[in-house]
Amino acid sequence: FPSHDTSQQYLKKFYRHVVVVAARSAPLRKDRLERTNALFAYRMHQVDSRCVNLINSYRMSCLKEGTWELEKKRGEDYTHFSDAASNALFNMTKSMDLENQPHKRYAGLNREL
């Protein structure tokens, strides 16, 4: 995959104002999963019933016993949906103190329900 700076340099050839908003690195899986689980526990995150792939991904994804590594069967890609969602949720809420919030639900990238 191209690096953050390489992507920005490439895009500047075609566009005048380029700002890459992606994080330079993904947060640790442990931190993302703990944050996502906390959002579910505090009822601040819900998944629409039409998001079948994400629901199945949450249901089917599990960790290898005693680790923070995802258990992946060969050729299966169902973990990608929950992985992407947990990354987005972590980045959107990382500055929040979840225990001391007026609890507003987050669905996908929509802020308030």
N, C-alpha and C. Protein backbone atom coordinates (compact mmCIF):
# COMPACT_ATOMS: atom_id res chain seq x y z
N PHE A 1 0.84 -1.17 0.00
CA PHE A 1 0.00 0.00 0.00
C PHE A 1 0.88 1.24 0.00
N PRO A 2 0.46 2.27 -0.69
CA PRO A 2 1.28 3.49 -0.70
C PRO A 2 1.27 4.16 0.66
N SER A 3 2.34 4.87 0.94
CA SER A 3 2.42 5.56 2.22
C SER A 3 1.57 6.82 2.19
N HIS A 4 1.37 7.36 3.34
CA HIS A 4 0.61 8.60 3.52
C HIS A 4 1.17 9.70 2.62
N ASP A 5 2.48 9.95 2.70
CA ASP A 5 3.12 11.02 1.94
C ASP A 5 3.10 10.75 0.44
N THR A 6 3.30 9.49 0.06
CA THR A 6 3.29 9.13 -1.36
C THR A 6 1.91 9.41 -1.95
N SER A 7 0.88 9.07 -1.22
CA SER A 7 -0.49 9.32 -1.69
C SER A 7 -0.73 10.81 -1.88
N GLN A 8 -0.27 11.59 -0.93
CA GLN A 8 -0.47 13.04 -1.00
C GLN A 8 0.29 13.62 -2.19
N GLN A 9 1.52 13.20 -2.40
CA GLN A 9 2.31 13.69 -3.53
C GLN A 9 1.65 13.33 -4.86
N TYR A 10 1.16 12.13 -4.98
CA TYR A 10 0.50 11.69 -6.20
C TYR A 10 -0.75 12.54 -6.48
N LEU A 11 -1.56 12.75 -5.47
CA LEU A 11 -2.80 13.52 -5.66
C LEU A 11 -2.53 14.98 -5.98
N LYS A 12 -1.42 15.52 -5.49
CA LYS A 12 -1.08 16.92 -5.77
C LYS A 12 -0.77 17.16 -7.25
N LYS A 13 -0.47 16.11 -7.98
CA LYS A 13 -0.25 16.25 -9.42
C LYS A 13 -1.55 16.62 -10.13
N PHE A 14 -2.67 16.24 -9.55
CA PHE A 14 -3.97 16.42 -10.20
C PHE A 14 -4.86 17.46 -9.52
N TYR A 15 -4.58 17.75 -8.25
CA TYR A 15 -5.43 18.67 -7.49
C TYR A 15 -4.57 19.70 -6.78
N ARG A 16 -5.09 20.94 -6.67
CA ARG A 16 -4.33 22.00 -6.01
C ARG A 16 -4.29 21.86 -4.50
N HIS A 17 -5.42 21.64 -3.89
CA HIS A 17 -5.52 21.61 -2.43
C HIS A 17 -5.76 20.17 -1.98
N VAL A 18 -4.70 19.53 -1.52
CA VAL A 18 -4.80 18.14 -1.09
C VAL A 18 -4.46 18.05 0.39
N VAL A 19 -5.39 17.47 1.12
CA VAL A 19 -5.15 17.19 2.53
C VAL A 19 -5.56 15.75 2.77
N VAL A 20 -4.63 14.93 3.20
CA VAL A 20 -4.94 13.54 3.50
C VAL A 20 -5.39 13.48 4.95
N VAL A 21 -6.60 12.98 5.17
CA VAL A 21 -7.17 12.99 6.51
C VAL A 21 -7.01 11.64 7.20
N ALA A 22 -6.51 10.67 6.51
CA ALA A 22 -6.34 9.33 7.09
C ALA A 22 -5.27 9.36 8.16
N ALA A 23 -5.48 8.55 9.15
CA ALA A 23 -4.47 8.42 10.20
C ALA A 23 -3.23 7.75 9.62
N ARG A 24 -2.09 8.09 10.15
CA ARG A 24 -0.85 7.49 9.65
C ARG A 24 -0.71 6.03 10.07
N SER A 25 -1.39 5.66 11.11
CA SER A 25 -1.37 4.26 11.54
C SER A 25 -2.69 3.94 12.22
N ALA A 26 -3.05 2.69 12.16
CA ALA A 26 -4.29 2.26 12.80
C ALA A 26 -4.07 2.10 14.30
N PRO A 27 -5.10 2.40 15.09
CA PRO A 27 -4.96 2.17 16.53
C PRO A 27 -4.83 0.67 16.82
N LEU A 28 -4.30 0.34 17.97
CA LEU A 28 -4.14 -1.06 18.34
C LEU A 28 -5.50 -1.76 18.36
N ARG A 29 -5.53 -3.01 17.93
CA ARG A 29 -6.77 -3.78 17.89
C ARG A 29 -7.44 -3.81 19.27
N LYS A 30 -6.65 -4.04 20.30
CA LYS A 30 -7.18 -4.10 21.67
C LYS A 30 -7.93 -2.81 22.00
N ASP A 31 -7.34 -1.66 21.70
CA ASP A 31 -7.97 -0.38 21.99
C ASP A 31 -9.26 -0.19 21.19
N ARG A 32 -9.22 -0.57 19.91
CA ARG A 32 -10.41 -0.42 19.06
C ARG A 32 -11.54 -1.32 19.54
N LEU A 33 -11.22 -2.56 19.88
CA LEU A 33 -12.27 -3.49 20.31
C LEU A 33 -12.85 -3.09 21.66
N GLU A 34 -12.00 -2.66 22.57
CA GLU A 34 -12.50 -2.22 23.87
C GLU A 34 -13.40 -1.00 23.72
N ARG A 35 -13.02 -0.07 22.84
CA ARG A 35 -13.82 1.13 22.62
C ARG A 35 -15.16 0.76 21.98
N THR A 36 -15.13 -0.11 20.99
CA THR A 36 -16.36 -0.53 20.31
C THR A 36 -17.29 -1.24 21.29
N ASN A 37 -16.75 -2.14 22.09
CA ASN A 37 -17.56 -2.85 23.08
C ASN A 37 -18.15 -1.88 24.10
N ALA A 38 -17.38 -0.88 24.51
CA ALA A 38 -17.89 0.12 25.45
C ALA A 38 -19.03 0.92 24.82
N LEU A 39 -18.89 1.27 23.55
CA LEU A 39 -19.95 2.01 22.87
C LEU A 39 -21.24 1.18 22.82
N PHE A 40 -21.10 -0.11 22.57
CA PHE A 40 -22.28 -0.99 22.61
C PHE A 40 -22.84 -1.05 24.03
N ALA A 41 -21.97 -1.23 25.02
CA ALA A 41 -22.41 -1.38 26.40
C ALA A 41 -23.14 -0.13 26.91
N TYR A 42 -22.65 1.05 26.52
CA TYR A 42 -23.29 2.30 26.93
C TYR A 42 -24.42 2.71 25.99
N ARG A 43 -24.77 1.82 25.08
CA ARG A 43 -25.85 2.05 24.11
C ARG A 43 -25.62 3.32 23.29
N MET A 44 -24.36 3.56 22.95
CA MET A 44 -24.00 4.73 22.15
C MET A 44 -23.73 4.36 20.70
N HIS A 45 -23.82 3.08 20.39
CA HIS A 45 -23.60 2.59 19.02
C HIS A 45 -24.66 1.55 18.72
N GLN A 46 -25.25 1.66 17.57
CA GLN A 46 -26.18 0.64 17.12
C GLN A 46 -25.98 0.44 15.63
N VAL A 47 -26.39 -0.70 15.15
CA VAL A 47 -26.22 -1.04 13.74
C VAL A 47 -27.61 -1.25 13.14
N ASP A 48 -27.86 -0.58 12.05
CA ASP A 48 -29.14 -0.71 11.37
C ASP A 48 -29.31 -2.14 10.86
N SER A 49 -30.52 -2.66 10.91
CA SER A 49 -30.77 -4.04 10.51
C SER A 49 -30.48 -4.29 9.04
N ARG A 50 -30.39 -3.24 8.24
CA ARG A 50 -30.07 -3.40 6.82
C ARG A 50 -28.57 -3.60 6.58
N CYS A 51 -27.75 -3.38 7.60
CA CYS A 51 -26.29 -3.55 7.48
C CYS A 51 -25.94 -5.00 7.77
N VAL A 52 -26.40 -5.89 6.91
CA VAL A 52 -26.28 -7.34 7.12
C VAL A 52 -24.82 -7.77 7.22
N ASN A 53 -23.97 -7.25 6.35
CA ASN A 53 -22.56 -7.65 6.39
C ASN A 53 -21.88 -7.25 7.69
N LEU A 54 -22.19 -6.05 8.18
CA LEU A 54 -21.59 -5.61 9.44
C LEU A 54 -22.11 -6.43 10.61
N ILE A 55 -23.40 -6.71 10.62
CA ILE A 55 -23.98 -7.53 11.69
C ILE A 55 -23.35 -8.92 11.70
N ASN A 56 -23.25 -9.54 10.53
CA ASN A 56 -22.62 -10.86 10.45
C ASN A 56 -21.16 -10.81 10.85
N SER A 57 -20.49 -9.72 10.49
CA SER A 57 -19.09 -9.58 10.85
C SER A 57 -18.92 -9.49 12.36
N TYR A 58 -19.78 -8.70 13.02
CA TYR A 58 -19.72 -8.63 14.48
C TYR A 58 -20.01 -9.99 15.10
N ARG A 59 -20.99 -10.70 14.56
CA ARG A 59 -21.37 -12.00 15.12
C ARG A 59 -20.31 -13.07 14.90
N MET A 60 -19.66 -13.06 13.76
CA MET A 60 -18.76 -14.15 13.40
C MET A 60 -17.31 -13.91 13.79
N SER A 61 -16.94 -12.67 14.04
CA SER A 61 -15.55 -12.36 14.39
C SER A 61 -15.28 -12.76 15.83
N CYS A 62 -14.17 -13.43 16.03
CA CYS A 62 -13.78 -13.78 17.40
C CYS A 62 -12.25 -13.76 17.50
N LEU A 63 -11.79 -13.68 18.71
CA LEU A 63 -10.35 -13.63 18.96
C LEU A 63 -9.81 -15.01 19.26
N LYS A 64 -8.55 -15.22 18.90
CA LYS A 64 -7.89 -16.45 19.30
C LYS A 64 -7.77 -16.42 20.82
N GLU A 65 -8.02 -17.54 21.44
CA GLU A 65 -8.04 -17.61 22.89
C GLU A 65 -6.74 -17.07 23.50
N GLY A 66 -6.89 -16.16 24.45
CA GLY A 66 -5.74 -15.61 25.16
C GLY A 66 -4.96 -14.56 24.41
N THR A 67 -5.47 -14.11 23.25
CA THR A 67 -4.76 -13.10 22.47
C THR A 67 -5.73 -12.02 22.00
N TRP A 68 -5.17 -11.02 21.34
CA TRP A 68 -5.98 -9.99 20.68
C TRP A 68 -5.94 -10.18 19.17
N GLU A 69 -5.53 -11.36 18.72
CA GLU A 69 -5.48 -11.69 17.29
C GLU A 69 -6.83 -12.23 16.84
N LEU A 70 -7.28 -11.77 15.68
CA LEU A 70 -8.55 -12.28 15.14
C LEU A 70 -8.38 -13.68 14.62
N GLU A 71 -9.35 -14.51 14.90
CA GLU A 71 -9.38 -15.86 14.36
C GLU A 71 -9.97 -15.76 12.96
N LYS A 72 -9.18 -16.08 11.96
CA LYS A 72 -9.64 -15.97 10.57
C LYS A 72 -9.53 -17.32 9.89
N LYS A 73 -10.63 -17.74 9.31
CA LYS A 73 -10.59 -18.96 8.51
C LYS A 73 -10.04 -18.60 7.14
N ARG A 74 -9.36 -19.52 6.55
CA ARG A 74 -8.74 -19.28 5.25
C ARG A 74 -9.79 -18.87 4.23
N GLY A 75 -9.52 -17.76 3.54
CA GLY A 75 -10.41 -17.30 2.49
C GLY A 75 -11.61 -16.51 2.97
N GLU A 76 -11.80 -16.38 4.26
CA GLU A 76 -12.94 -15.62 4.78
C GLU A 76 -12.55 -14.16 4.96
N ASP A 77 -13.46 -13.27 4.61
CA ASP A 77 -13.16 -11.84 4.76
C ASP A 77 -14.22 -11.12 5.60
N TYR A 78 -15.03 -11.87 6.34
CA TYR A 78 -16.10 -11.26 7.12
C TYR A 78 -15.58 -10.33 8.21
N THR A 79 -14.34 -10.49 8.63
CA THR A 79 -13.81 -9.64 9.69
C THR A 79 -13.56 -8.21 9.22
N HIS A 80 -13.48 -8.00 7.90
CA HIS A 80 -13.15 -6.68 7.38
C HIS A 80 -14.19 -5.63 7.76
N PHE A 81 -15.46 -6.00 7.78
CA PHE A 81 -16.51 -5.04 8.07
C PHE A 81 -16.43 -4.53 9.51
N SER A 82 -16.33 -5.44 10.47
CA SER A 82 -16.25 -5.01 11.87
C SER A 82 -14.92 -4.32 12.16
N ASP A 83 -13.87 -4.73 11.47
CA ASP A 83 -12.57 -4.10 11.64
C ASP A 83 -12.63 -2.64 11.19
N ALA A 84 -13.23 -2.41 10.03
CA ALA A 84 -13.36 -1.04 9.52
C ALA A 84 -14.26 -0.20 10.42
N ALA A 85 -15.36 -0.78 10.88
CA ALA A 85 -16.27 -0.06 11.76
C ALA A 85 -15.59 0.30 13.08
N SER A 86 -14.87 -0.64 13.66
CA SER A 86 -14.21 -0.37 14.95
C SER A 86 -13.14 0.70 14.80
N ASN A 87 -12.48 0.73 13.66
CA ASN A 87 -11.47 1.76 13.41
C ASN A 87 -12.13 3.13 13.33
N ALA A 88 -13.23 3.23 12.58
CA ALA A 88 -13.94 4.51 12.46
C ALA A 88 -14.51 4.95 13.80
N LEU A 89 -15.13 4.02 14.53
CA LEU A 89 -15.70 4.36 15.84
C LEU A 89 -14.63 4.84 16.81
N PHE A 90 -13.48 4.16 16.80
CA PHE A 90 -12.38 4.56 17.68
C PHE A 90 -11.95 5.99 17.36
N ASN A 91 -11.73 6.26 16.06
CA ASN A 91 -11.25 7.58 15.66
C ASN A 91 -12.28 8.68 15.94
N MET A 92 -13.56 8.37 15.82
CA MET A 92 -14.60 9.38 16.06
C MET A 92 -14.80 9.66 17.55
N THR A 93 -14.47 8.70 18.40
CA THR A 93 -14.80 8.85 19.82
C THR A 93 -13.59 8.81 20.74
N LYS A 94 -12.38 8.78 20.20
CA LYS A 94 -11.20 8.58 21.04
C LYS A 94 -10.99 9.69 22.07
N SER A 95 -11.49 10.87 21.82
CA SER A 95 -11.30 11.96 22.78
C SER A 95 -12.44 12.03 23.80
N MET A 96 -13.42 11.16 23.68
CA MET A 96 -14.57 11.17 24.59
C MET A 96 -14.32 10.32 25.83
N ASP A 97 -14.78 10.82 26.95
CA ASP A 97 -14.82 10.02 28.17
C ASP A 97 -16.19 9.37 28.20
N LEU A 98 -16.26 8.11 27.83
CA LEU A 98 -17.54 7.43 27.64
C LEU A 98 -18.35 7.32 28.93
N GLU A 99 -17.68 7.26 30.05
CA GLU A 99 -18.40 7.10 31.32
C GLU A 99 -19.10 8.38 31.76
N ASN A 100 -18.68 9.52 31.26
CA ASN A 100 -19.25 10.80 31.68
C ASN A 100 -19.83 11.56 30.50
N GLN A 101 -20.63 10.90 29.71
CA GLN A 101 -21.25 11.51 28.54
C GLN A 101 -22.75 11.56 28.69
N PRO A 102 -23.37 12.64 28.18
CA PRO A 102 -24.81 12.54 27.99
C PRO A 102 -24.97 11.58 26.82
N HIS A 103 -25.44 10.38 27.07
CA HIS A 103 -25.38 9.31 26.08
C HIS A 103 -26.23 9.58 24.85
N LYS A 104 -25.52 9.78 23.74
CA LYS A 104 -26.14 9.94 22.43
C LYS A 104 -25.72 8.73 21.62
N ARG A 105 -26.63 8.18 20.88
CA ARG A 105 -26.30 7.00 20.09
C ARG A 105 -25.61 7.39 18.79
N TYR A 106 -24.68 6.56 18.38
CA TYR A 106 -23.98 6.72 17.12
C TYR A 106 -24.31 5.54 16.24
N ALA A 107 -24.77 5.81 15.04
CA ALA A 107 -25.05 4.75 14.07
C ALA A 107 -24.20 5.03 12.86
N GLY A 108 -23.23 4.17 12.62
CA GLY A 108 -22.32 4.43 11.50
C GLY A 108 -21.63 5.74 11.73
N LEU A 109 -21.70 6.64 10.75
CA LEU A 109 -21.05 7.93 10.89
C LEU A 109 -22.06 9.04 11.20
N ASN A 110 -23.33 8.68 11.39
CA ASN A 110 -24.34 9.67 11.78
C ASN A 110 -24.14 9.98 13.25
N ARG A 111 -24.15 11.22 13.61
CA ARG A 111 -23.86 11.60 14.99
C ARG A 111 -25.00 11.29 15.95
N GLU A 112 -26.13 11.93 15.82
CA GLU A 112 -27.21 11.73 16.79
C GLU A 112 -28.39 11.04 16.16
N LEU A 113 -29.07 10.18 16.92
CA LEU A 113 -30.30 9.56 16.46
C LEU A 113 -31.47 10.22 17.15
